[in-house]
Amino acid sequence: MSYEVREVVEKIKRKREELNLSYKELEKKTGISASTLYRYEIMETQIPIDKFQVICKELGLKAEELLSSKKTDNEYEEDFKLAARNYKELPADKKQLFNEMMKSVIKTLKEQK
Protein backbone atom coordinates (compact mmCIF):
# COMPACT_ATOMS: atom_id res chain seq x y z
CA MET A 1 0.00 0.00 0.00
CA SER A 2 1.55 3.25 -1.13
CA TYR A 3 0.54 6.62 0.25
CA GLU A 4 1.93 9.95 1.31
CA VAL A 5 1.38 10.69 4.98
CA ARG A 6 1.04 14.40 4.30
CA GLU A 7 -1.78 13.76 1.81
CA VAL A 8 -3.64 11.57 4.30
CA VAL A 9 -3.32 14.18 7.05
CA GLU A 10 -4.48 16.92 4.65
CA LYS A 11 -7.57 14.88 3.74
CA ILE A 12 -8.42 14.46 7.42
CA LYS A 13 -7.93 18.17 8.07
CA ARG A 14 -9.98 19.14 5.00
CA LYS A 15 -12.84 16.88 6.08
CA ARG A 16 -12.81 18.27 9.63
CA GLU A 17 -12.95 21.79 8.21
CA GLU A 18 -15.73 20.85 5.74
CA LEU A 19 -17.76 19.62 8.69
CA ASN A 20 -16.95 22.84 10.57
CA LEU A 21 -15.64 20.85 13.52
CA SER A 22 -13.27 22.51 15.94
CA TYR A 23 -10.58 20.46 17.65
CA LYS A 24 -12.67 20.64 20.84
CA GLU A 25 -15.76 19.30 19.05
CA LEU A 26 -13.76 16.46 17.50
CA GLU A 27 -12.25 15.77 20.92
CA LYS A 28 -15.76 15.18 22.30
CA LYS A 29 -16.53 12.76 19.47
CA THR A 30 -13.24 10.83 19.52
CA GLY A 31 -11.95 11.06 23.08
CA ILE A 32 -8.64 12.34 21.66
CA SER A 33 -7.52 15.63 23.19
CA ALA A 34 -7.81 18.76 21.06
CA SER A 35 -4.08 19.44 21.46
CA THR A 36 -3.24 15.94 20.23
CA LEU A 37 -5.58 16.32 17.24
CA TYR A 38 -3.82 19.58 16.40
CA ARG A 39 -0.40 17.92 16.67
CA TYR A 40 -1.61 15.19 14.29
CA GLU A 41 -2.69 17.81 11.73
CA ILE A 42 0.58 19.73 11.84
CA MET A 43 2.40 16.38 11.67
CA GLU A 44 4.22 16.98 14.93
CA THR A 45 2.98 13.60 16.14
CA GLN A 46 2.23 10.47 14.14
CA ILE A 47 -1.33 9.18 14.34
CA PRO A 48 -1.46 5.71 15.89
CA ILE A 49 -3.56 3.34 13.78
CA ASP A 50 -6.26 2.92 16.44
CA LYS A 51 -6.64 6.71 16.75
CA PHE A 52 -6.58 7.04 12.96
CA GLN A 53 -9.50 4.64 12.69
CA VAL A 54 -11.49 6.51 15.37
CA ILE A 55 -10.89 9.88 13.66
CA CYS A 56 -11.88 8.48 10.27
CA LYS A 57 -15.06 6.95 11.69
CA GLU A 58 -16.13 10.21 13.33
CA LEU A 59 -15.40 12.22 10.18
CA GLY A 60 -17.22 9.75 7.94
CA LEU A 61 -14.04 8.77 6.11
CA LYS A 62 -12.97 5.28 5.11
CA ALA A 63 -9.48 4.58 6.44
CA GLU A 64 -8.68 2.14 3.63
CA GLU A 65 -9.58 4.73 0.98
CA LEU A 66 -7.39 7.35 2.61
CA LEU A 67 -4.47 4.96 2.57
CA SER A 68 -4.89 4.08 -1.10
CA SER A 69 -2.86 6.03 -3.62
CA LYS A 70 -5.90 6.79 -5.77
CA LYS A 71 -6.99 10.41 -6.04
CA THR A 72 -10.50 11.50 -6.78
CA ASP A 73 -11.34 13.64 -9.80
CA ASN A 74 -11.93 16.57 -7.45
CA GLU A 75 -8.46 16.17 -5.95
CA TYR A 76 -6.87 16.10 -9.41
CA GLU A 77 -8.89 19.16 -10.37
CA GLU A 78 -7.67 20.98 -7.25
CA ASP A 79 -4.08 19.96 -8.03
CA PHE A 80 -4.45 21.27 -11.57
CA LYS A 81 -5.88 24.58 -10.37
CA LEU A 82 -3.02 24.96 -7.89
CA ALA A 83 -0.43 24.30 -10.59
CA ALA A 84 -2.11 26.71 -13.01
CA ARG A 85 -2.39 29.48 -10.39
CA ASN A 86 1.26 29.11 -9.46
CA TYR A 87 2.63 28.47 -12.95
CA LYS A 88 4.86 31.58 -12.93
CA GLU A 89 6.66 30.40 -9.80
CA LEU A 90 7.48 26.97 -11.20
CA PRO A 91 11.13 26.22 -12.00
CA ALA A 92 11.88 26.04 -15.72
CA ASP A 93 12.07 22.23 -15.79
CA LYS A 94 8.66 21.92 -14.09
CA LYS A 95 7.15 24.47 -16.49
CA GLN A 96 8.42 22.41 -19.40
CA LEU A 97 6.91 19.25 -17.91
CA PHE A 98 3.60 21.05 -17.26
CA ASN A 99 3.55 22.41 -20.84
CA GLU A 100 4.20 18.96 -22.32
CA MET A 101 1.42 17.48 -20.22
CA MET A 102 -0.99 20.22 -21.28
CA LYS A 103 -0.15 19.74 -24.97
CA SER A 104 -0.92 16.04 -24.60
CA VAL A 105 -4.20 16.68 -22.79
CA ILE A 106 -5.33 19.28 -25.32
CA LYS A 107 -4.43 16.99 -28.21
CA THR A 108 -6.50 14.20 -26.66
CA LEU A 109 -9.46 16.51 -26.09
CA LYS A 110 -9.34 17.74 -29.70
CA GLU A 111 -9.20 14.15 -31.00
CA GLN A 112 -12.32 13.28 -28.99
CA LYS A 113 -14.42 15.95 -30.76
Foldseek 3Di string as FASTA:
>chain_A
DDDDLLQLLVVLVVLCVVVVHQLPNLCVQQVDHSVVNVCCSVVVDPQPPVSVVSSCVVSVHDPVVSRDHDDDPVVVVVVVVVCVVCVVVDDPVVNVVVVVVVVVVVVVVVVVD
